[in-house]
Amino acid sequence: MRRTLVLVAAPVCVLVALATAWLFELSTAHVLVLAPVIVLCTAAAVGLLLLWARMAWESIRRPKSR
């Protein structure tokens, strides 16, 4: 499980950092320095979106009781 997670997460982290460099027109050196911050912020944003989606799904699925 951990090996698979690393094999999937590592390229995703690199792609997120490179996409940020392209989007904000940053140099590769700046992106390498900021990579941990970029990855953590992206993970936090994705986690928040998943939490909101789960809350919305649960509120839709839950039967209304009076």
Protein backbone atom coordinates (compact mmCIF):
# COMPACT_ATOMS: atom_id res chain seq x y z
CA MET A 1 0.00 0.00 0.00
CA ARG A 2 2.70 2.51 0.92
CA ARG A 3 4.74 1.71 -2.17
CA THR A 4 1.71 2.29 -4.38
CA LEU A 5 0.90 5.50 -2.54
CA VAL A 6 4.42 6.83 -3.06
CA LEU A 7 4.43 5.78 -6.71
CA VAL A 8 1.21 7.70 -7.29
CA ALA A 9 1.83 10.69 -5.00
CA ALA A 10 5.36 11.54 -6.12
CA PRO A 11 4.51 12.27 -9.77
CA VAL A 12 1.37 14.12 -8.71
CA CYS A 13 3.42 16.38 -6.43
CA VAL A 14 5.91 17.09 -9.21
CA LEU A 15 3.09 17.85 -11.65
CA VAL A 16 1.41 20.21 -9.17
CA ALA A 17 4.67 22.08 -8.62
CA LEU A 18 5.36 22.34 -12.36
CA ALA A 19 1.79 23.42 -13.07
CA THR A 20 2.15 26.15 -10.46
CA ALA A 21 5.41 27.28 -12.07
CA TRP A 22 3.73 27.44 -15.45
CA LEU A 23 0.58 29.15 -14.12
CA PHE A 24 2.43 31.87 -12.21
CA GLU A 25 5.42 32.04 -14.56
CA LEU A 26 7.93 31.23 -11.81
CA SER A 27 11.46 29.99 -12.33
CA THR A 28 12.29 26.38 -11.60
CA ALA A 29 14.54 27.44 -8.71
CA HIS A 30 11.69 29.27 -7.01
CA VAL A 31 9.38 26.31 -7.52
CA LEU A 32 11.91 23.90 -6.00
CA VAL A 33 12.15 26.09 -2.92
CA LEU A 34 8.39 26.53 -2.67
CA ALA A 35 7.48 22.92 -3.58
CA PRO A 36 6.66 21.80 -0.01
CA VAL A 37 4.41 24.81 0.51
CA ILE A 38 2.73 24.29 -2.86
CA VAL A 39 2.07 20.61 -2.15
CA LEU A 40 0.75 21.25 1.38
CA CYS A 41 -1.58 24.04 0.21
CA THR A 42 -2.87 21.89 -2.63
CA ALA A 43 -3.46 18.97 -0.25
CA ALA A 44 -5.30 21.25 2.18
CA ALA A 45 -7.52 22.63 -0.60
CA VAL A 46 -8.31 19.16 -1.96
CA GLY A 47 -9.03 17.89 1.55
CA LEU A 48 -11.40 20.78 2.20
CA LEU A 49 -13.22 20.17 -1.09
CA LEU A 50 -13.56 16.46 -0.29
CA LEU A 51 -14.91 17.28 3.17
CA TRP A 52 -17.49 19.67 1.73
CA ALA A 53 -18.48 17.11 -0.91
CA ARG A 54 -18.92 14.44 1.75
CA MET A 55 -20.99 16.75 3.92
CA ALA A 56 -23.19 17.69 0.96
CA TRP A 57 -23.61 14.04 -0.03
CA GLU A 58 -24.55 13.04 3.52
CA SER A 59 -27.07 15.87 3.82
CA ILE A 60 -28.68 14.88 0.51
CA ARG A 61 -28.74 11.18 1.43
CA ARG A 62 -30.10 11.64 4.94
CA PRO A 63 -33.88 11.33 5.08
CA LYS A 64 -35.71 14.37 6.37
CA SER A 65 -37.39 13.57 9.69
CA ARG A 66 -39.93 15.73 11.45
